[in-house]
Amino acid sequence: MSSQITMEQTPLNSLDRCDRCGAQAYVRAILLSGGQLLFCAHHAKAYAQGLKPVVATIQDESENLVAKAAK
């Protein structure tokens, strides 16, 4: 019998920071290994191709940047 860990996808908030630069994270990459990486929109784009083989799910909330700019 195998056990599988499922991480609940909660909305990202201002406390979630990019693992690369520390800016506010708008993208969460859930890894096949069960971990997660957080990225700002810039670094999510920069690492998108390299992440594809190791990512199970990507939670992209970068549309919130447009919503913030419109206010």
PDB file of N, CA and C in Angstrom:
ATOM      1  N   MET A   1       0.836  -1.179   0.000  1.00  0.00           N
ATOM      2  CA  MET A   1       0.000   0.000   0.000  1.00  0.00           C
ATOM      3  C   MET A   1       0.883   1.245   0.000  1.00  0.00           C
ATOM      4  N   SER A   2       0.572   2.192  -0.882  1.00  0.00           N
ATOM      5  CA  SER A   2       1.382   3.411  -0.947  1.00  0.00           C
ATOM      6  C   SER A   2       0.599   4.572  -0.357  1.00  0.00           C
ATOM      7  N   SER A   3       1.323   5.482   0.249  1.00  0.00           N
ATOM      8  CA  SER A   3       0.671   6.675   0.776  1.00  0.00           C
ATOM      9  C   SER A   3       1.067   7.853  -0.088  1.00  0.00           C
ATOM     10  N   GLN A   4       0.115   8.731  -0.296  1.00  0.00           N
ATOM     11  CA  GLN A   4       0.358   9.903  -1.129  1.00  0.00           C
ATOM     12  C   GLN A   4       0.043  11.148  -0.318  1.00  0.00           C
ATOM     13  N   ILE A   5       0.950  12.102  -0.355  1.00  0.00           N
ATOM     14  CA  ILE A   5       0.744  13.353   0.358  1.00  0.00           C
ATOM     15  C   ILE A   5       0.161  14.355  -0.628  1.00  0.00           C
ATOM     16  N   THR A   6      -0.961  14.940  -0.264  1.00  0.00           N
ATOM     17  CA  THR A   6      -1.594  15.948  -1.100  1.00  0.00           C
ATOM     18  C   THR A   6      -1.554  17.271  -0.367  1.00  0.00           C
ATOM     19  N   MET A   7      -0.999  18.280  -1.022  1.00  0.00           N
ATOM     20  CA  MET A   7      -0.936  19.601  -0.426  1.00  0.00           C
ATOM     21  C   MET A   7      -2.149  20.396  -0.892  1.00  0.00           C
ATOM     22  N   GLU A   8      -2.869  20.964   0.040  1.00  0.00           N
ATOM     23  CA  GLU A   8      -4.020  21.781  -0.292  1.00  0.00           C
ATOM     24  C   GLU A   8      -3.537  23.094  -0.901  1.00  0.00           C
ATOM     25  N   GLN A   9      -4.167  23.492  -1.989  1.00  0.00           N
ATOM     26  CA  GLN A   9      -3.792  24.743  -2.628  1.00  0.00           C
ATOM     27  C   GLN A   9      -4.586  25.890  -2.032  1.00  0.00           C
ATOM     28  N   THR A  10      -3.954  26.595  -1.126  1.00  0.00           N
ATOM     29  CA  THR A  10      -4.568  27.773  -0.539  1.00  0.00           C
ATOM     30  C   THR A  10      -4.123  28.987  -1.344  1.00  0.00           C
ATOM     31  N   PRO A  11      -4.925  30.029  -1.358  1.00  0.00           N
ATOM     32  CA  PRO A  11      -4.518  31.238  -2.095  1.00  0.00           C
ATOM     33  C   PRO A  11      -3.203  31.788  -1.556  1.00  0.00           C
ATOM     34  N   LEU A  12      -2.378  32.290  -2.443  1.00  0.00           N
ATOM     35  CA  LEU A  12      -1.125  32.919  -2.037  1.00  0.00           C
ATOM     36  C   LEU A  12      -1.441  34.292  -1.459  1.00  0.00           C
ATOM     37  N   ASN A  13      -0.646  34.722  -0.490  1.00  0.00           N
ATOM     38  CA  ASN A  13      -0.859  36.042   0.102  1.00  0.00           C
ATOM     39  C   ASN A  13       0.464  36.783   0.214  1.00  0.00           C
ATOM     40  N   SER A  14       0.445  37.958   0.783  1.00  0.00           N
ATOM     41  CA  SER A  14       1.640  38.805   0.838  1.00  0.00           C
ATOM     42  C   SER A  14       2.754  38.224   1.706  1.00  0.00           C
ATOM     43  N   LEU A  15       2.455  37.233   2.521  1.00  0.00           N
ATOM     44  CA  LEU A  15       3.492  36.586   3.329  1.00  0.00           C
ATOM     45  C   LEU A  15       4.255  35.522   2.548  1.00  0.00           C
ATOM     46  N   ASP A  16       3.697  35.069   1.425  1.00  0.00           N
ATOM     47  CA  ASP A  16       4.369  34.077   0.576  1.00  0.00           C
ATOM     48  C   ASP A  16       5.404  34.797  -0.276  1.00  0.00           C
ATOM     49  N   ARG A  17       6.651  34.362  -0.186  1.00  0.00           N
ATOM     50  CA  ARG A  17       7.754  35.061  -0.841  1.00  0.00           C
ATOM     51  C   ARG A  17       8.442  34.153  -1.852  1.00  0.00           C
ATOM     52  N   CYS A  18       8.954  34.747  -2.908  1.00  0.00           N
ATOM     53  CA  CYS A  18       9.682  34.032  -3.952  1.00  0.00           C
ATOM     54  C   CYS A  18      10.921  33.374  -3.348  1.00  0.00           C
ATOM     55  N   ASP A  19      11.108  32.094  -3.649  1.00  0.00           N
ATOM     56  CA  ASP A  19      12.275  31.369  -3.129  1.00  0.00           C
ATOM     57  C   ASP A  19      13.574  31.849  -3.766  1.00  0.00           C
ATOM     58  N   ARG A  20      13.488  32.555  -4.872  1.00  0.00           N
ATOM     59  CA  ARG A  20      14.689  33.014  -5.566  1.00  0.00           C
ATOM     60  C   ARG A  20      15.122  34.413  -5.107  1.00  0.00           C
ATOM     61  N   CYS A  21      14.146  35.356  -5.033  1.00  0.00           N
ATOM     62  CA  CYS A  21      14.539  36.743  -4.761  1.00  0.00           C
ATOM     63  C   CYS A  21      13.859  37.372  -3.549  1.00  0.00           C
ATOM     64  N   GLY A  22      12.847  36.737  -2.990  1.00  0.00           N
ATOM     65  CA  GLY A  22      12.172  37.271  -1.814  1.00  0.00           C
ATOM     66  C   GLY A  22      11.012  38.204  -2.105  1.00  0.00           C
ATOM     67  N   ALA A  23      10.713  38.466  -3.381  1.00  0.00           N
ATOM     68  CA  ALA A  23       9.548  39.289  -3.731  1.00  0.00           C
ATOM     69  C   ALA A  23       8.268  38.500  -3.445  1.00  0.00           C
ATOM     70  N   GLN A  24       7.130  39.173  -3.500  1.00  0.00           N
ATOM     71  CA  GLN A  24       5.869  38.479  -3.262  1.00  0.00           C
ATOM     72  C   GLN A  24       5.669  37.381  -4.295  1.00  0.00           C
ATOM     73  N   ALA A  25       5.299  36.208  -3.821  1.00  0.00           N
ATOM     74  CA  ALA A  25       5.095  35.050  -4.709  1.00  0.00           C
ATOM     75  C   ALA A  25       3.689  35.079  -5.303  1.00  0.00           C
ATOM     76  N   TYR A  26       3.624  34.822  -6.599  1.00  0.00           N
ATOM     77  CA  TYR A  26       2.350  34.712  -7.307  1.00  0.00           C
ATOM     78  C   TYR A  26       2.188  33.347  -7.959  1.00  0.00           C
ATOM     79  N   VAL A  27       3.209  32.502  -7.852  1.00  0.00           N
ATOM     80  CA  VAL A  27       3.168  31.169  -8.462  1.00  0.00           C
ATOM     81  C   VAL A  27       3.684  30.147  -7.458  1.00  0.00           C
ATOM     82  N   ARG A  28       2.923  29.053  -7.304  1.00  0.00           N
ATOM     83  CA  ARG A  28       3.340  27.945  -6.450  1.00  0.00           C
ATOM     84  C   ARG A  28       3.513  26.728  -7.347  1.00  0.00           C
ATOM     85  N   ALA A  29       4.685  26.113  -7.294  1.00  0.00           N
ATOM     86  CA  ALA A  29       4.957  24.889  -8.046  1.00  0.00           C
ATOM     87  C   ALA A  29       4.990  23.731  -7.055  1.00  0.00           C
ATOM     88  N   ILE A  30       4.043  22.805  -7.203  1.00  0.00           N
ATOM     89  CA  ILE A  30       4.004  21.610  -6.363  1.00  0.00           C
ATOM     90  C   ILE A  30       4.830  20.543  -7.074  1.00  0.00           C
ATOM     91  N   LEU A  31       5.876  20.095  -6.431  1.00  0.00           N
ATOM     92  CA  LEU A  31       6.810  19.145  -7.043  1.00  0.00           C
ATOM     93  C   LEU A  31       6.296  17.711  -6.957  1.00  0.00           C
ATOM     94  N   LEU A  32       6.723  16.881  -7.883  1.00  0.00           N
ATOM     95  CA  LEU A  32       6.374  15.462  -7.865  1.00  0.00           C
ATOM     96  C   LEU A  32       6.855  14.802  -6.583  1.00  0.00           C
ATOM     97  N   SER A  33       7.933  15.310  -6.019  1.00  0.00           N
ATOM     98  CA  SER A  33       8.488  14.759  -4.780  1.00  0.00           C
ATOM     99  C   SER A  33       7.671  15.136  -3.550  1.00  0.00           C
ATOM    100  N   GLY A  34       6.697  16.054  -3.716  1.00  0.00           N
ATOM    101  CA  GLY A  34       5.843  16.444  -2.613  1.00  0.00           C
ATOM    102  C   GLY A  34       6.139  17.815  -2.040  1.00  0.00           C
ATOM    103  N   GLY A  35       7.258  18.390  -2.381  1.00  0.00           N
ATOM    104  CA  GLY A  35       7.588  19.723  -1.882  1.00  0.00           C
ATOM    105  C   GLY A  35       6.950  20.800  -2.731  1.00  0.00           C
ATOM    106  N   GLN A  36       7.283  22.031  -2.427  1.00  0.00           N
ATOM    107  CA  GLN A  36       6.772  23.139  -3.210  1.00  0.00           C
ATOM    108  C   GLN A  36       7.827  24.215  -3.352  1.00  0.00           C
ATOM    109  N   LEU A  37       7.712  24.983  -4.419  1.00  0.00           N
ATOM    110  CA  LEU A  37       8.553  26.151  -4.641  1.00  0.00           C
ATOM    111  C   LEU A  37       7.638  27.326  -4.903  1.00  0.00           C
ATOM    112  N   LEU A  38       8.002  28.494  -4.387  1.00  0.00           N
ATOM    113  CA  LEU A  38       7.239  29.711  -4.611  1.00  0.00           C
ATOM    114  C   LEU A  38       8.073  30.660  -5.456  1.00  0.00           C
ATOM    115  N   PHE A  39       7.403  31.322  -6.416  1.00  0.00           N
ATOM    116  CA  PHE A  39       8.106  32.241  -7.308  1.00  0.00           C
ATOM    117  C   PHE A  39       7.310  33.512  -7.530  1.00  0.00           C
ATOM    118  N   CYS A  40       8.018  34.619  -7.699  1.00  0.00           N
ATOM    119  CA  CYS A  40       7.389  35.827  -8.212  1.00  0.00           C
ATOM    120  C   CYS A  40       7.076  35.549  -9.693  1.00  0.00           C
ATOM    121  N   ALA A  41       6.302  36.399 -10.324  1.00  0.00           N
ATOM    122  CA  ALA A  41       5.922  36.165 -11.715  1.00  0.00           C
ATOM    123  C   ALA A  41       7.162  36.125 -12.624  1.00  0.00           C
ATOM    124  N   HIS A  42       8.125  36.985 -12.363  1.00  0.00           N
ATOM    125  CA  HIS A  42       9.348  37.045 -13.173  1.00  0.00           C
ATOM    126  C   HIS A  42      10.117  35.726 -13.123  1.00  0.00           C
ATOM    127  N   HIS A  43      10.378  35.218 -11.940  1.00  0.00           N
ATOM    128  CA  HIS A  43      11.153  33.991 -11.819  1.00  0.00           C
ATOM    129  C   HIS A  43      10.353  32.757 -12.232  1.00  0.00           C
ATOM    130  N   ALA A  44       9.043  32.797 -12.104  1.00  0.00           N
ATOM    131  CA  ALA A  44       8.219  31.689 -12.597  1.00  0.00           C
ATOM    132  C   ALA A  44       8.401  31.540 -14.106  1.00  0.00           C
ATOM    133  N   LYS A  45       8.413  32.668 -14.816  1.00  0.00           N
ATOM    134  CA  LYS A  45       8.640  32.630 -16.273  1.00  0.00           C
ATOM    135  C   LYS A  45      10.058  32.152 -16.585  1.00  0.00           C
ATOM    136  N   ALA A  46      11.016  32.643 -15.824  1.00  0.00           N
ATOM    137  CA  ALA A  46      12.419  32.305 -16.083  1.00  0.00           C
ATOM    138  C   ALA A  46      12.705  30.813 -15.909  1.00  0.00           C
ATOM    139  N   TYR A  47      12.041  30.166 -14.954  1.00  0.00           N
ATOM    140  CA  TYR A  47      12.313  28.763 -14.644  1.00  0.00           C
ATOM    141  C   TYR A  47      11.254  27.792 -15.170  1.00  0.00           C
ATOM    142  N   ALA A  48      10.272  28.280 -15.910  1.00  0.00           N
ATOM    143  CA  ALA A  48       9.146  27.447 -16.366  1.00  0.00           C
ATOM    144  C   ALA A  48       9.594  26.199 -17.118  1.00  0.00           C
ATOM    145  N   GLN A  49      10.480  26.321 -18.062  1.00  0.00           N
ATOM    146  CA  GLN A  49      10.916  25.165 -18.855  1.00  0.00           C
ATOM    147  C   GLN A  49      11.647  24.134 -18.010  1.00  0.00           C
ATOM    148  N   GLY A  50      12.497  24.572 -17.120  1.00  0.00           N
ATOM    149  CA  GLY A  50      13.249  23.656 -16.270  1.00  0.00           C
ATOM    150  C   GLY A  50      12.396  22.940 -15.237  1.00  0.00           C
ATOM    151  N   LEU A  51      11.290  23.555 -14.854  1.00  0.00           N
ATOM    152  CA  LEU A  51      10.420  22.954 -13.841  1.00  0.00           C
ATOM    153  C   LEU A  51       9.495  21.879 -14.399  1.00  0.00           C
ATOM    154  N   LYS A  52       9.168  21.960 -15.689  1.00  0.00           N
ATOM    155  CA  LYS A  52       8.194  21.042 -16.280  1.00  0.00           C
ATOM    156  C   LYS A  52       8.416  19.572 -15.936  1.00  0.00           C
ATOM    157  N   PRO A  53       9.631  19.047 -15.985  1.00  0.00           N
ATOM    158  CA  PRO A  53       9.818  17.617 -15.695  1.00  0.00           C
ATOM    159  C   PRO A  53       9.621  17.226 -14.225  1.00  0.00           C
ATOM    160  N   VAL A  54       9.670  18.177 -13.316  1.00  0.00           N
ATOM    161  CA  VAL A  54       9.621  17.836 -11.887  1.00  0.00           C
ATOM    162  C   VAL A  54       8.386  18.364 -11.169  1.00  0.00           C
ATOM    163  N   VAL A  55       7.474  19.012 -11.899  1.00  0.00           N
ATOM    164  CA  VAL A  55       6.317  19.637 -11.279  1.00  0.00           C
ATOM    165  C   VAL A  55       5.053  18.827 -11.518  1.00  0.00           C
ATOM    166  N   ALA A  56       4.276  18.638 -10.451  1.00  0.00           N
ATOM    167  CA  ALA A  56       2.986  17.962 -10.558  1.00  0.00           C
ATOM    168  C   ALA A  56       1.887  18.971 -10.885  1.00  0.00           C
ATOM    169  N   THR A  57       1.917  20.135 -10.238  1.00  0.00           N
ATOM    170  CA  THR A  57       0.891  21.160 -10.404  1.00  0.00           C
ATOM    171  C   THR A  57       1.516  22.539 -10.271  1.00  0.00           C
ATOM    172  N   ILE A  58       0.987  23.482 -11.032  1.00  0.00           N
ATOM    173  CA  ILE A  58       1.406  24.872 -10.898  1.00  0.00           C
ATOM    174  C   ILE A  58       0.172  25.709 -10.579  1.00  0.00           C
ATOM    175  N   GLN A  59       0.243  26.446  -9.494  1.00  0.00           N
ATOM    176  CA  GLN A  59      -0.823  27.364  -9.090  1.00  0.00           C
ATOM    177  C   GLN A  59      -0.352  28.762  -9.464  1.00  0.00           C
ATOM    178  N   ASP A  60      -0.941  29.323 -10.510  1.00  0.00           N
ATOM    179  CA  ASP A  60      -0.513  30.618 -11.028  1.00  0.00           C
ATOM    180  C   ASP A  60      -1.559  31.674 -10.692  1.00  0.00           C
ATOM    181  N   GLU A  61      -1.196  32.607  -9.848  1.00  0.00           N
ATOM    182  CA  GLU A  61      -2.082  33.699  -9.462  1.00  0.00           C
ATOM    183  C   GLU A  61      -1.537  35.041  -9.944  1.00  0.00           C
ATOM    184  N   SER A  62      -0.719  35.003 -11.012  1.00  0.00           N
ATOM    185  CA  SER A  62      -0.096  36.227 -11.509  1.00  0.00           C
ATOM    186  C   SER A  62      -1.108  37.213 -12.086  1.00  0.00           C
ATOM    187  N   GLU A  63      -2.339  36.767 -12.369  1.00  0.00           N
ATOM    188  CA  GLU A  63      -3.368  37.695 -12.836  1.00  0.00           C
ATOM    189  C   GLU A  63      -3.697  38.727 -11.758  1.00  0.00           C
ATOM    190  N   ASN A  64      -3.365  38.431 -10.520  1.00  0.00           N
ATOM    191  CA  ASN A  64      -3.577  39.390  -9.432  1.00  0.00           C
ATOM    192  C   ASN A  64      -2.705  40.627  -9.584  1.00  0.00           C
ATOM    193  N   LEU A  65      -1.603  40.513 -10.299  1.00  0.00           N
ATOM    194  CA  LEU A  65      -0.755  41.677 -10.560  1.00  0.00           C
ATOM    195  C   LEU A  65      -1.504  42.689 -11.414  1.00  0.00           C
ATOM    196  N   VAL A  66      -2.239  42.236 -12.397  1.00  0.00           N
ATOM    197  CA  VAL A  66      -3.014  43.111 -13.268  1.00  0.00           C
ATOM    198  C   VAL A  66      -4.143  43.755 -12.473  1.00  0.00           C
ATOM    199  N   ALA A  67      -4.787  42.976 -11.610  1.00  0.00           N
ATOM    200  CA  ALA A  67      -5.870  43.492 -10.785  1.00  0.00           C
ATOM    201  C   ALA A  67      -5.374  44.581  -9.837  1.00  0.00           C
ATOM    202  N   LYS A  68      -4.182  44.412  -9.287  1.00  0.00           N
ATOM    203  CA  LYS A  68      -3.617  45.406  -8.378  1.00  0.00           C
ATOM    204  C   LYS A  68      -3.265  46.689  -9.133  1.00  0.00           C
ATOM    205  N   ALA A  69      -2.743  46.527 -10.356  1.00  0.00           N
ATOM    206  CA  ALA A  69      -2.343  47.692 -11.154  1.00  0.00           C
ATOM    207  C   ALA A  69      -3.558  48.509 -11.595  1.00  0.00           C
ATOM    208  N   ALA A  70      -4.688  47.862 -11.781  1.00  0.00           N
ATOM    209  CA  ALA A  70      -5.897  48.539 -12.244  1.00  0.00           C
ATOM    210  C   ALA A  70      -6.557  49.364 -11.139  1.00  0.00           C
ATOM    211  N   LYS A  71      -6.237  49.085  -9.889  1.00  0.00           N
ATOM    212  CA  LYS A  71      -6.867  49.816  -8.770  1.00  0.00           C
ATOM    213  C   LYS A  71      -6.311  51.198  -8.608  1.00  0.00           C
TER     214      LYS A  71
END
